[in-house]
Amino acid sequence: MTDPASSTPVERDALPGTILRYLDAHNSGDAVASAALMTPDAQVTDDGRTHSGLPAIEKWLGRASSEYTYTTTYVDAVREGTDRWTVVQRLDGDFPGNTVLLRYGFTLDGDLISRLVIAP
């Protein structure tokens, strides 16, 4: 995350609706609903790869939602600016290592996600 002095902790229910809807859709494997929350020129970086634009993001979401079976647990979140939020989730599943903490760095453009960076 960023400098703690410039970030504000946030409870899950206080996150912007767009982020909550994205997390719910992504966690349930709904690639269509997840992509609908992105700007047309959005970028997603996951596992060191950047996916730019809706067609590439939809392909990534389809693969990501079917590759492994996992459950998620909300850990915490911080607001890092007027349009930036970081959410930490714990994933437990059938992927290598079985458990990981992932940080989802969201940048919003109005009510849509323009940038998402997912990293341990």
N, C-alpha and C. Protein backbone atom coordinates (compact mmCIF):
# COMPACT_ATOMS: atom_id res chain seq x y z
N MET A 1 0.83 -1.17 0.00
CA MET A 1 0.00 0.00 0.00
C MET A 1 0.88 1.24 0.00
N THR A 2 0.25 2.38 0.01
CA THR A 2 1.02 3.61 -0.04
C THR A 2 1.33 4.10 1.36
N ASP A 3 1.87 5.30 1.44
CA ASP A 3 2.21 5.94 2.70
C ASP A 3 1.00 5.96 3.64
N PRO A 4 1.10 5.31 4.84
CA PRO A 4 -0.03 5.27 5.75
C PRO A 4 -0.52 6.65 6.16
N ALA A 5 0.34 7.65 6.16
CA ALA A 5 -0.06 9.00 6.55
C ALA A 5 -1.03 9.62 5.54
N SER A 6 -1.02 9.14 4.29
CA SER A 6 -1.87 9.71 3.27
C SER A 6 -3.04 8.79 2.90
N SER A 7 -3.24 7.73 3.67
CA SER A 7 -4.33 6.81 3.37
C SER A 7 -5.27 6.71 4.57
N THR A 8 -6.52 6.34 4.28
CA THR A 8 -7.55 6.27 5.30
C THR A 8 -8.13 4.86 5.31
N PRO A 9 -8.07 4.14 6.45
CA PRO A 9 -8.68 2.81 6.52
C PRO A 9 -10.19 2.88 6.27
N VAL A 10 -10.72 1.84 5.64
CA VAL A 10 -12.13 1.82 5.26
C VAL A 10 -12.70 0.43 5.54
N GLU A 11 -13.89 0.39 6.14
CA GLU A 11 -14.61 -0.87 6.29
C GLU A 11 -15.17 -1.29 4.93
N ARG A 12 -15.39 -2.58 4.75
CA ARG A 12 -15.87 -3.09 3.46
C ARG A 12 -17.14 -2.37 3.01
N ASP A 13 -18.10 -2.22 3.89
CA ASP A 13 -19.38 -1.62 3.52
C ASP A 13 -19.27 -0.14 3.14
N ALA A 14 -18.14 0.50 3.46
CA ALA A 14 -17.94 1.91 3.13
C ALA A 14 -17.21 2.10 1.80
N LEU A 15 -16.84 1.01 1.14
CA LEU A 15 -16.20 1.11 -0.18
C LEU A 15 -17.21 1.61 -1.20
N PRO A 16 -16.72 2.25 -2.26
CA PRO A 16 -17.63 2.67 -3.33
C PRO A 16 -18.40 1.47 -3.89
N GLY A 17 -19.64 1.71 -4.28
CA GLY A 17 -20.48 0.64 -4.82
C GLY A 17 -19.85 -0.09 -5.99
N THR A 18 -19.16 0.65 -6.85
CA THR A 18 -18.50 0.02 -8.01
C THR A 18 -17.50 -1.04 -7.56
N ILE A 19 -16.71 -0.73 -6.55
CA ILE A 19 -15.71 -1.68 -6.06
C ILE A 19 -16.40 -2.88 -5.41
N LEU A 20 -17.43 -2.64 -4.61
CA LEU A 20 -18.16 -3.75 -3.99
C LEU A 20 -18.77 -4.66 -5.04
N ARG A 21 -19.39 -4.07 -6.06
CA ARG A 21 -19.99 -4.88 -7.12
C ARG A 21 -18.91 -5.67 -7.88
N TYR A 22 -17.76 -5.02 -8.14
CA TYR A 22 -16.68 -5.73 -8.83
C TYR A 22 -16.20 -6.92 -7.99
N LEU A 23 -15.93 -6.69 -6.72
CA LEU A 23 -15.44 -7.78 -5.86
C LEU A 23 -16.45 -8.92 -5.80
N ASP A 24 -17.72 -8.60 -5.65
CA ASP A 24 -18.74 -9.64 -5.60
C ASP A 24 -18.81 -10.42 -6.91
N ALA A 25 -18.79 -9.70 -8.03
CA ALA A 25 -18.86 -10.35 -9.34
C ALA A 25 -17.62 -11.18 -9.61
N HIS A 26 -16.45 -10.61 -9.33
CA HIS A 26 -15.20 -11.34 -9.57
C HIS A 26 -15.10 -12.57 -8.67
N ASN A 27 -15.45 -12.41 -7.40
CA ASN A 27 -15.38 -13.53 -6.46
C ASN A 27 -16.34 -14.66 -6.83
N SER A 28 -17.45 -14.31 -7.49
CA SER A 28 -18.41 -15.35 -7.90
C SER A 28 -18.13 -15.87 -9.30
N GLY A 29 -17.09 -15.34 -9.95
CA GLY A 29 -16.71 -15.82 -11.28
C GLY A 29 -17.56 -15.24 -12.41
N ASP A 30 -18.23 -14.13 -12.17
CA ASP A 30 -19.08 -13.51 -13.19
C ASP A 30 -18.26 -12.51 -14.01
N ALA A 31 -17.64 -13.01 -15.06
CA ALA A 31 -16.76 -12.18 -15.89
C ALA A 31 -17.53 -11.07 -16.60
N VAL A 32 -18.77 -11.32 -17.00
CA VAL A 32 -19.57 -10.32 -17.71
C VAL A 32 -19.87 -9.14 -16.79
N ALA A 33 -20.33 -9.44 -15.57
CA ALA A 33 -20.65 -8.37 -14.62
C ALA A 33 -19.39 -7.62 -14.20
N SER A 34 -18.27 -8.33 -14.06
CA SER A 34 -17.01 -7.68 -13.70
C SER A 34 -16.58 -6.70 -14.79
N ALA A 35 -16.61 -7.13 -16.03
CA ALA A 35 -16.18 -6.29 -17.15
C ALA A 35 -17.10 -5.10 -17.34
N ALA A 36 -18.37 -5.25 -17.01
CA ALA A 36 -19.33 -4.14 -17.16
C ALA A 36 -19.01 -2.97 -16.24
N LEU A 37 -18.16 -3.19 -15.26
CA LEU A 37 -17.78 -2.14 -14.32
C LEU A 37 -16.49 -1.42 -14.71
N MET A 38 -15.97 -1.72 -15.90
CA MET A 38 -14.72 -1.15 -16.39
C MET A 38 -14.97 -0.11 -17.47
N THR A 39 -14.08 0.89 -17.54
CA THR A 39 -14.13 1.84 -18.65
C THR A 39 -13.70 1.11 -19.93
N PRO A 40 -14.09 1.61 -21.11
CA PRO A 40 -13.69 0.94 -22.35
C PRO A 40 -12.18 0.82 -22.53
N ASP A 41 -11.42 1.78 -21.99
CA ASP A 41 -9.97 1.75 -22.14
C ASP A 41 -9.26 1.33 -20.85
N ALA A 42 -9.96 0.63 -19.97
CA ALA A 42 -9.39 0.22 -18.68
C ALA A 42 -8.16 -0.66 -18.88
N GLN A 43 -7.34 -0.71 -17.83
CA GLN A 43 -6.17 -1.59 -17.78
C GLN A 43 -6.22 -2.39 -16.49
N VAL A 44 -5.92 -3.68 -16.60
CA VAL A 44 -5.82 -4.55 -15.44
C VAL A 44 -4.45 -5.21 -15.47
N THR A 45 -3.74 -5.13 -14.36
CA THR A 45 -2.47 -5.83 -14.23
C THR A 45 -2.63 -6.91 -13.18
N ASP A 46 -2.35 -8.13 -13.56
CA ASP A 46 -2.47 -9.29 -12.68
C ASP A 46 -1.36 -10.26 -13.03
N ASP A 47 -0.72 -10.78 -12.02
CA ASP A 47 0.34 -11.77 -12.23
C ASP A 47 1.43 -11.23 -13.17
N GLY A 48 1.70 -9.92 -13.06
CA GLY A 48 2.75 -9.29 -13.85
C GLY A 48 2.39 -8.98 -15.29
N ARG A 49 1.15 -9.27 -15.69
CA ARG A 49 0.72 -9.01 -17.07
C ARG A 49 -0.36 -7.93 -17.08
N THR A 50 -0.25 -7.03 -18.04
CA THR A 50 -1.25 -5.97 -18.17
C THR A 50 -2.18 -6.28 -19.33
N HIS A 51 -3.47 -6.15 -19.07
CA HIS A 51 -4.53 -6.40 -20.05
C HIS A 51 -5.21 -5.05 -20.29
N SER A 52 -5.17 -4.58 -21.52
CA SER A 52 -5.68 -3.24 -21.85
C SER A 52 -6.90 -3.34 -22.75
N GLY A 53 -7.95 -2.60 -22.38
CA GLY A 53 -9.18 -2.56 -23.16
C GLY A 53 -10.11 -3.70 -22.79
N LEU A 54 -11.39 -3.49 -23.02
CA LEU A 54 -12.40 -4.47 -22.60
C LEU A 54 -12.24 -5.85 -23.21
N PRO A 55 -11.93 -5.99 -24.50
CA PRO A 55 -11.78 -7.36 -25.03
C PRO A 55 -10.69 -8.16 -24.30
N ALA A 56 -9.54 -7.54 -24.05
CA ALA A 56 -8.46 -8.23 -23.34
C ALA A 56 -8.83 -8.50 -21.89
N ILE A 57 -9.53 -7.56 -21.26
CA ILE A 57 -9.93 -7.74 -19.87
C ILE A 57 -10.98 -8.85 -19.76
N GLU A 58 -11.92 -8.89 -20.68
CA GLU A 58 -12.93 -9.95 -20.66
C GLU A 58 -12.29 -11.32 -20.83
N LYS A 59 -11.30 -11.42 -21.70
CA LYS A 59 -10.58 -12.69 -21.89
C LYS A 59 -9.87 -13.07 -20.59
N TRP A 60 -9.17 -12.12 -19.96
CA TRP A 60 -8.49 -12.37 -18.69
C TRP A 60 -9.49 -12.80 -17.61
N LEU A 61 -10.60 -12.09 -17.50
CA LEU A 61 -11.61 -12.42 -16.49
C LEU A 61 -12.15 -13.83 -16.70
N GLY A 62 -12.41 -14.20 -17.93
CA GLY A 62 -12.91 -15.55 -18.22
C GLY A 62 -11.92 -16.62 -17.80
N ARG A 63 -10.64 -16.38 -18.08
CA ARG A 63 -9.61 -17.33 -17.68
C ARG A 63 -9.43 -17.35 -16.17
N ALA A 64 -9.38 -16.16 -15.56
CA ALA A 64 -9.14 -16.06 -14.13
C ALA A 64 -10.27 -16.72 -13.32
N SER A 65 -11.50 -16.61 -13.82
CA SER A 65 -12.62 -17.16 -13.06
C SER A 65 -12.75 -18.67 -13.19
N SER A 66 -12.09 -19.27 -14.18
CA SER A 66 -12.22 -20.71 -14.37
C SER A 66 -10.95 -21.50 -14.05
N GLU A 67 -9.85 -20.80 -13.83
CA GLU A 67 -8.57 -21.48 -13.64
C GLU A 67 -8.48 -22.23 -12.31
N TYR A 68 -8.96 -21.64 -11.23
CA TYR A 68 -8.88 -22.25 -9.91
C TYR A 68 -10.19 -22.08 -9.17
N THR A 69 -10.37 -22.90 -8.15
CA THR A 69 -11.51 -22.75 -7.24
C THR A 69 -10.97 -22.15 -5.95
N TYR A 70 -11.62 -21.10 -5.46
CA TYR A 70 -11.13 -20.45 -4.25
C TYR A 70 -12.26 -19.71 -3.54
N THR A 71 -12.01 -19.40 -2.29
CA THR A 71 -12.90 -18.54 -1.52
C THR A 71 -12.11 -17.30 -1.13
N THR A 72 -12.83 -16.21 -0.90
CA THR A 72 -12.16 -14.97 -0.53
C THR A 72 -12.69 -14.48 0.81
N THR A 73 -11.79 -13.83 1.53
CA THR A 73 -12.14 -13.20 2.80
C THR A 73 -11.60 -11.79 2.77
N TYR A 74 -12.47 -10.82 3.02
CA TYR A 74 -12.06 -9.42 3.09
C TYR A 74 -11.13 -9.25 4.30
N VAL A 75 -9.99 -8.60 4.09
CA VAL A 75 -9.05 -8.34 5.18
C VAL A 75 -9.10 -6.88 5.60
N ASP A 76 -8.86 -5.97 4.65
CA ASP A 76 -8.96 -4.55 4.94
C ASP A 76 -8.93 -3.75 3.65
N ALA A 77 -9.09 -2.44 3.80
CA ALA A 77 -9.04 -1.54 2.64
C ALA A 77 -8.62 -0.17 3.12
N VAL A 78 -8.03 0.58 2.20
CA VAL A 78 -7.68 1.98 2.47
C VAL A 78 -8.06 2.82 1.26
N ARG A 79 -8.43 4.06 1.57
CA ARG A 79 -8.64 5.05 0.52
C ARG A 79 -7.34 5.81 0.40
N GLU A 80 -6.83 5.91 -0.83
CA GLU A 80 -5.52 6.52 -1.05
C GLU A 80 -5.61 7.81 -1.83
N GLY A 81 -6.78 8.29 -2.04
CA GLY A 81 -7.00 9.53 -2.79
C GLY A 81 -8.45 9.61 -3.17
N THR A 82 -8.81 10.63 -3.90
CA THR A 82 -10.21 10.81 -4.26
C THR A 82 -10.72 9.71 -5.18
N ASP A 83 -9.82 9.10 -5.96
CA ASP A 83 -10.23 8.08 -6.93
C ASP A 83 -9.48 6.76 -6.79
N ARG A 84 -8.70 6.60 -5.71
CA ARG A 84 -7.87 5.39 -5.57
C ARG A 84 -8.15 4.68 -4.24
N TRP A 85 -8.28 3.37 -4.34
CA TRP A 85 -8.57 2.52 -3.19
C TRP A 85 -7.75 1.25 -3.31
N THR A 86 -7.31 0.70 -2.18
CA THR A 86 -6.66 -0.60 -2.17
C THR A 86 -7.42 -1.51 -1.22
N VAL A 87 -7.81 -2.67 -1.74
CA VAL A 87 -8.53 -3.67 -0.96
C VAL A 87 -7.64 -4.90 -0.83
N VAL A 88 -7.54 -5.45 0.38
CA VAL A 88 -6.77 -6.67 0.60
C VAL A 88 -7.76 -7.80 0.88
N GLN A 89 -7.60 -8.89 0.14
CA GLN A 89 -8.42 -10.08 0.34
C GLN A 89 -7.51 -11.28 0.51
N ARG A 90 -7.96 -12.22 1.34
CA ARG A 90 -7.27 -13.50 1.51
C ARG A 90 -7.98 -14.50 0.61
N LEU A 91 -7.21 -15.19 -0.22
CA LEU A 91 -7.76 -16.23 -1.08
C LEU A 91 -7.27 -17.58 -0.58
N ASP A 92 -8.18 -18.51 -0.42
CA ASP A 92 -7.87 -19.89 -0.05
C ASP A 92 -8.45 -20.78 -1.15
N GLY A 93 -7.59 -21.65 -1.72
CA GLY A 93 -8.11 -22.48 -2.80
C GLY A 93 -7.16 -23.55 -3.27
N ASP A 94 -7.42 -24.03 -4.50
CA ASP A 94 -6.65 -25.14 -5.06
C ASP A 94 -5.53 -24.68 -5.99
N PHE A 95 -5.04 -23.47 -5.78
CA PHE A 95 -3.93 -22.94 -6.56
C PHE A 95 -2.63 -23.22 -5.80
N PRO A 96 -1.47 -23.10 -6.45
CA PRO A 96 -0.20 -23.36 -5.75
C PRO A 96 -0.06 -22.47 -4.51
N GLY A 97 0.24 -23.09 -3.38
CA GLY A 97 0.39 -22.38 -2.13
C GLY A 97 -0.88 -22.36 -1.30
N ASN A 98 -2.02 -22.57 -1.93
CA ASN A 98 -3.34 -22.69 -1.31
C ASN A 98 -3.88 -21.44 -0.62
N THR A 99 -3.02 -20.52 -0.18
CA THR A 99 -3.46 -19.29 0.48
C THR A 99 -2.58 -18.14 0.04
N VAL A 100 -3.21 -16.99 -0.22
CA VAL A 100 -2.45 -15.80 -0.59
C VAL A 100 -3.25 -14.57 -0.17
N LEU A 101 -2.53 -13.53 0.23
CA LEU A 101 -3.14 -12.22 0.44
C LEU A 101 -2.91 -11.42 -0.84
N LEU A 102 -3.97 -10.92 -1.42
CA LEU A 102 -3.85 -10.13 -2.64
C LEU A 102 -4.33 -8.72 -2.39
N ARG A 103 -3.60 -7.76 -2.95
CA ARG A 103 -3.98 -6.35 -2.91
C ARG A 103 -4.57 -5.98 -4.26
N TYR A 104 -5.76 -5.41 -4.21
CA TYR A 104 -6.45 -4.95 -5.41
C TYR A 104 -6.40 -3.43 -5.39
N GLY A 105 -5.59 -2.86 -6.26
CA GLY A 105 -5.45 -1.41 -6.33
C GLY A 105 -6.38 -0.86 -7.40
N PHE A 106 -7.45 -0.21 -6.98
CA PHE A 106 -8.47 0.32 -7.89
C PHE A 106 -8.25 1.81 -8.14
N THR A 107 -8.40 2.22 -9.40
CA THR A 107 -8.52 3.63 -9.75
C THR A 107 -9.87 3.77 -10.43
N LEU A 108 -10.67 4.69 -9.92
CA LEU A 108 -12.01 4.90 -10.47
C LEU A 108 -12.04 6.11 -11.38
N ASP A 109 -12.89 6.03 -12.39
CA ASP A 109 -13.20 7.15 -13.26
C ASP A 109 -14.72 7.28 -13.20
N GLY A 110 -15.19 8.15 -12.34
CA GLY A 110 -16.63 8.24 -12.09
C GLY A 110 -17.09 6.96 -11.41
N ASP A 111 -18.07 6.30 -12.01
CA ASP A 111 -18.62 5.07 -11.46
C ASP A 111 -18.04 3.81 -12.09
N LEU A 112 -16.92 3.95 -12.81
CA LEU A 112 -16.29 2.80 -13.46
C LEU A 112 -14.84 2.68 -13.04
N ILE A 113 -14.29 1.49 -13.21
CA ILE A 113 -12.90 1.21 -12.88
C ILE A 113 -12.05 1.47 -14.13
N SER A 114 -11.06 2.35 -13.99
CA SER A 114 -10.18 2.64 -15.13
C SER A 114 -8.85 1.89 -15.02
N ARG A 115 -8.51 1.48 -13.80
CA ARG A 115 -7.24 0.78 -13.60
C ARG A 115 -7.41 -0.14 -12.40
N LEU A 116 -6.88 -1.36 -12.53
CA LEU A 116 -6.88 -2.33 -11.44
C LEU A 116 -5.55 -3.05 -11.46
N VAL A 117 -4.86 -3.02 -10.33
CA VAL A 117 -3.60 -3.74 -10.19
C VAL A 117 -3.78 -4.75 -9.07
N ILE A 118 -3.57 -6.03 -9.40
CA ILE A 118 -3.70 -7.11 -8.42
C ILE A 118 -2.32 -7.67 -8.17
N ALA A 119 -1.91 -7.68 -6.90
CA ALA A 119 -0.55 -8.14 -6.57
C ALA A 119 -0.54 -8.67 -5.13
N PRO A 120 0.39 -9.58 -4.86
CA PRO A 120 0.53 -10.07 -3.47
C PRO A 120 1.01 -8.95 -2.55
